[in-house]
Amino acid sequence: MPDTAQHNHIPLSPFVLFGEWFALASETELNDPNAMTVATVGADHQPSQRVVLLKAWNEQGFVFYTNLESHKATEIKANPKVALNFHWKSQRRQVRISGKAEQVHDTEADAYFATRARDSQIGAWASDQSRPLENRATFEARLAAVAERFEGDTVPRPPHWSGLRVVPVRMEFWQDRDYRLHERWLYQRDGDAWTMGLLFP
């Protein structure tokens, strides 16, 4: 079991604690320590969730990138209230985050897009994410067409592709303990500050 004695004095900032947990998970998780579930709610009030990759974070929020015409992005546009969940199995820890999503600035999206593998950049142009696909050959043909279009040139960021930053208002840190006597620390935003308390397991 992970040693949490160091957290007998829990940081006043949830971002300090997240940084500590994320750094350890990055050393111990077998795959994708930056994987997180994003939960949204549609116009029909039906929840929906999927796993995406965290690409940046700081005290302003947690950023992931997507096609802005995808299912999740269209739901977020209609209702920006979302929830995130990190589950680090090797550490037996979870972090739950609630907040509102906002689109990142174009310069930030451009800078990240430029770091992506070229095939991923081409895929961002070729994919009508979340919409029906007749067959795989159709998608592969579109990939080939985009590759030919930008052959020899830098692939620019598509106008329909950008980042979403989840600005948190609530962050809960969950640590597994034997006999389900877990530890839970809850941070809630209070203006520009955060309050912290404990929850029963």
Protein backbone atom coordinates (compact mmCIF):
# COMPACT_ATOMS: atom_id res chain seq x y z
CA MET A 1 0.00 0.00 0.00
CA PRO A 2 1.33 3.49 -0.79
CA ASP A 3 2.74 5.33 2.20
CA THR A 4 0.59 8.37 2.92
CA ALA A 5 2.23 9.32 6.20
CA GLN A 6 3.69 12.30 4.38
CA HIS A 7 0.12 13.56 4.03
CA ASN A 8 -0.59 13.72 7.76
CA HIS A 9 -0.27 17.44 7.07
CA ILE A 10 -2.29 17.83 3.89
CA PRO A 11 -1.31 20.78 1.67
CA LEU A 12 -3.70 23.72 1.66
CA SER A 13 -3.62 23.75 -2.14
CA PRO A 14 -5.14 20.79 -4.01
CA PHE A 15 -2.69 21.43 -6.84
CA VAL A 16 0.28 20.71 -4.58
CA LEU A 17 -1.22 17.37 -3.59
CA PHE A 18 -2.19 16.58 -7.18
CA GLY A 19 1.36 17.30 -8.29
CA GLU A 20 2.77 14.90 -5.71
CA TRP A 21 0.34 12.12 -6.62
CA PHE A 22 0.70 12.66 -10.37
CA ALA A 23 4.49 12.58 -10.16
CA LEU A 24 4.43 9.27 -8.30
CA ALA A 25 1.84 7.79 -10.67
CA SER A 26 4.04 8.82 -13.60
CA GLU A 27 6.80 6.64 -12.15
CA THR A 28 4.68 3.60 -11.29
CA GLU A 29 1.72 3.30 -13.68
CA LEU A 30 2.25 0.76 -16.45
CA ASN A 31 0.37 2.74 -19.09
CA ASP A 32 -0.84 6.32 -19.48
CA PRO A 33 -0.63 7.83 -15.98
CA ASN A 34 -2.24 10.90 -17.56
CA ALA A 35 -5.39 8.99 -18.55
CA MET A 36 -8.56 10.47 -17.09
CA THR A 37 -12.27 9.90 -17.49
CA VAL A 38 -14.26 12.89 -18.71
CA ALA A 39 -17.96 12.85 -17.87
CA THR A 40 -20.47 15.10 -19.62
CA VAL A 41 -24.26 15.40 -19.71
CA GLY A 42 -26.29 15.65 -22.91
CA ALA A 43 -29.38 17.68 -23.69
CA ASP A 44 -31.43 14.59 -22.79
CA HIS A 45 -29.79 14.61 -19.31
CA GLN A 46 -28.05 11.33 -20.12
CA PRO A 47 -24.51 11.17 -18.68
CA SER A 48 -21.70 10.10 -20.97
CA GLN A 49 -18.07 9.33 -20.20
CA ARG A 50 -14.86 8.45 -21.99
CA VAL A 51 -11.13 8.24 -21.25
CA VAL A 52 -8.87 10.95 -22.65
CA LEU A 53 -5.29 12.03 -21.94
CA LEU A 54 -4.36 14.99 -19.78
CA LYS A 55 -1.95 17.13 -21.80
CA ALA A 56 -1.31 20.07 -19.46
CA TRP A 57 -2.29 21.21 -16.00
CA ASN A 58 -1.66 24.04 -13.58
CA GLU A 59 -3.67 26.07 -11.08
CA GLN A 60 -5.85 27.33 -13.94
CA GLY A 61 -7.09 23.83 -14.75
CA PHE A 62 -6.65 20.53 -16.57
CA VAL A 63 -6.34 20.47 -20.38
CA PHE A 64 -7.20 17.84 -22.97
CA TYR A 65 -7.55 18.15 -26.75
CA THR A 66 -10.33 17.06 -29.05
CA ASN A 67 -12.29 17.64 -32.23
CA LEU A 68 -14.69 20.45 -31.32
CA GLU A 69 -17.41 18.71 -33.34
CA SER A 70 -17.07 15.46 -31.38
CA HIS A 71 -19.79 14.10 -29.12
CA LYS A 72 -18.08 15.25 -25.92
CA ALA A 73 -17.26 18.70 -27.25
CA THR A 74 -20.79 19.39 -28.46
CA GLU A 75 -22.16 18.30 -25.09
CA ILE A 76 -19.66 20.54 -23.31
CA LYS A 77 -20.61 23.47 -25.52
CA ALA A 78 -24.23 23.05 -24.42
CA ASN A 79 -23.37 22.34 -20.79
CA PRO A 80 -19.81 23.17 -19.71
CA LYS A 81 -20.14 21.48 -16.33
CA VAL A 82 -17.98 18.34 -16.44
CA ALA A 83 -16.30 15.87 -14.13
CA LEU A 84 -12.87 14.23 -14.37
CA ASN A 85 -11.58 11.11 -12.69
CA PHE A 86 -8.02 9.81 -12.42
CA HIS A 87 -7.58 6.22 -11.24
CA TRP A 88 -4.03 5.11 -10.51
CA LYS A 89 -4.36 1.40 -9.84
CA SER A 90 -0.73 0.82 -8.84
CA GLN A 91 -1.06 3.49 -6.16
CA ARG A 92 -4.63 2.55 -5.20
CA ARG A 93 -5.63 6.17 -5.54
CA GLN A 94 -8.26 8.27 -7.28
CA VAL A 95 -8.69 11.98 -7.86
CA ARG A 96 -12.16 13.28 -8.70
CA ILE A 97 -12.51 16.77 -10.15
CA SER A 98 -15.64 18.80 -10.88
CA GLY A 99 -15.65 22.09 -12.74
CA LYS A 100 -16.43 23.97 -15.92
CA ALA A 101 -14.72 23.51 -19.28
CA GLU A 102 -13.53 26.38 -21.45
CA GLN A 103 -11.67 26.41 -24.75
CA VAL A 104 -7.96 27.20 -24.59
CA HIS A 105 -6.50 30.14 -26.50
CA ASP A 106 -5.61 29.49 -30.14
CA THR A 107 -1.91 30.08 -29.47
CA GLU A 108 -1.91 27.37 -26.80
CA ALA A 109 -3.71 24.94 -29.11
CA ASP A 110 -1.34 25.74 -31.98
CA ALA A 111 1.71 25.14 -29.78
CA TYR A 112 0.46 21.75 -28.63
CA PHE A 113 -0.68 20.66 -32.10
CA ALA A 114 2.82 21.37 -33.42
CA THR A 115 4.23 18.77 -30.98
CA ARG A 116 1.98 15.95 -32.21
CA ALA A 117 3.22 13.20 -34.50
CA ARG A 118 2.57 14.04 -38.15
CA ASP A 119 0.22 11.07 -38.58
CA SER A 120 -1.81 12.32 -35.60
CA GLN A 121 -1.95 15.78 -37.14
CA ILE A 122 -3.21 14.29 -40.40
CA GLY A 123 -5.77 12.24 -38.51
CA ALA A 124 -7.17 15.38 -36.91
CA TRP A 125 -8.01 16.67 -40.39
CA ALA A 126 -9.31 13.36 -41.75
CA SER A 127 -11.59 12.27 -38.92
CA ASP A 128 -15.20 13.37 -38.44
CA GLN A 129 -14.88 12.28 -34.83
CA SER A 130 -17.89 10.52 -33.26
CA ARG A 131 -19.88 10.47 -36.50
CA PRO A 132 -20.86 7.31 -38.41
CA LEU A 133 -18.21 5.73 -40.65
CA GLU A 134 -19.29 3.48 -43.50
CA ASN A 135 -16.12 1.42 -43.46
CA ARG A 136 -12.45 1.64 -42.52
CA ALA A 137 -11.41 2.04 -46.15
CA THR A 138 -13.26 5.36 -46.31
CA PHE A 139 -11.23 6.71 -43.41
CA GLU A 140 -7.96 5.40 -44.82
CA ALA A 141 -8.72 7.08 -48.14
CA ARG A 142 -9.31 10.37 -46.34
CA LEU A 143 -6.02 9.96 -44.47
CA ALA A 144 -4.21 9.45 -47.76
CA ALA A 145 -5.89 12.51 -49.29
CA VAL A 146 -4.90 14.74 -46.37
CA ALA A 147 -1.34 13.40 -46.41
CA GLU A 148 -1.11 14.26 -50.11
CA ARG A 149 -2.61 17.71 -49.52
CA PHE A 150 0.06 18.65 -46.98
CA GLU A 151 2.97 16.72 -48.51
CA GLY A 152 6.18 18.66 -47.97
CA ASP A 153 4.45 21.26 -45.79
CA THR A 154 3.77 21.76 -42.10
CA VAL A 155 0.36 20.45 -41.12
CA PRO A 156 -1.59 23.34 -39.55
CA ARG A 157 -4.08 22.88 -36.74
CA PRO A 158 -7.59 22.32 -38.07
CA PRO A 159 -10.03 25.09 -37.05
CA HIS A 160 -12.33 22.44 -35.56
CA TRP A 161 -9.63 21.00 -33.27
CA SER A 162 -8.55 22.57 -29.99
CA GLY A 163 -8.08 22.11 -26.28
CA LEU A 164 -10.56 22.27 -23.43
CA ARG A 165 -9.49 23.36 -19.97
CA VAL A 166 -11.49 22.12 -17.00
CA VAL A 167 -11.39 24.82 -14.33
CA PRO A 168 -11.99 22.96 -11.05
CA VAL A 169 -14.34 23.98 -8.26
CA ARG A 170 -14.12 20.70 -6.35
CA MET A 171 -11.28 18.16 -6.04
CA GLU A 172 -11.45 14.96 -4.01
CA PHE A 173 -8.42 12.78 -3.26
CA TRP A 174 -9.15 9.15 -2.41
CA GLN A 175 -6.60 6.77 -0.89
CA ASP A 176 -7.37 3.08 -0.50
CA ARG A 177 -6.99 1.60 2.97
CA ASP A 178 -7.46 -1.94 4.28
CA TYR A 179 -10.98 -3.09 5.17
CA ARG A 180 -12.41 -0.25 3.06
CA LEU A 181 -11.41 2.27 5.74
CA HIS A 182 -10.31 4.65 3.02
CA GLU A 183 -9.04 8.21 3.39
CA ARG A 184 -10.77 11.01 1.50
CA TRP A 185 -9.74 14.66 1.35
CA LEU A 186 -12.13 17.17 -0.20
CA TYR A 187 -11.08 20.57 -1.51
CA GLN A 188 -13.72 23.10 -2.56
CA ARG A 189 -13.11 26.46 -4.20
CA ASP A 190 -14.08 29.47 -2.11
CA GLY A 191 -13.50 32.55 -4.25
CA ASP A 192 -9.78 32.66 -4.96
CA ALA A 193 -8.99 30.23 -2.13
CA TRP A 194 -9.72 26.61 -1.29
CA THR A 195 -11.25 25.01 1.79
CA MET A 196 -10.24 21.46 2.77
CA GLY A 197 -12.00 18.85 4.86
CA LEU A 198 -12.34 15.10 5.33
CA LEU A 199 -15.06 12.73 4.17
CA PHE A 200 -16.15 9.48 5.71
CA PRO A 201 -14.96 6.49 3.65
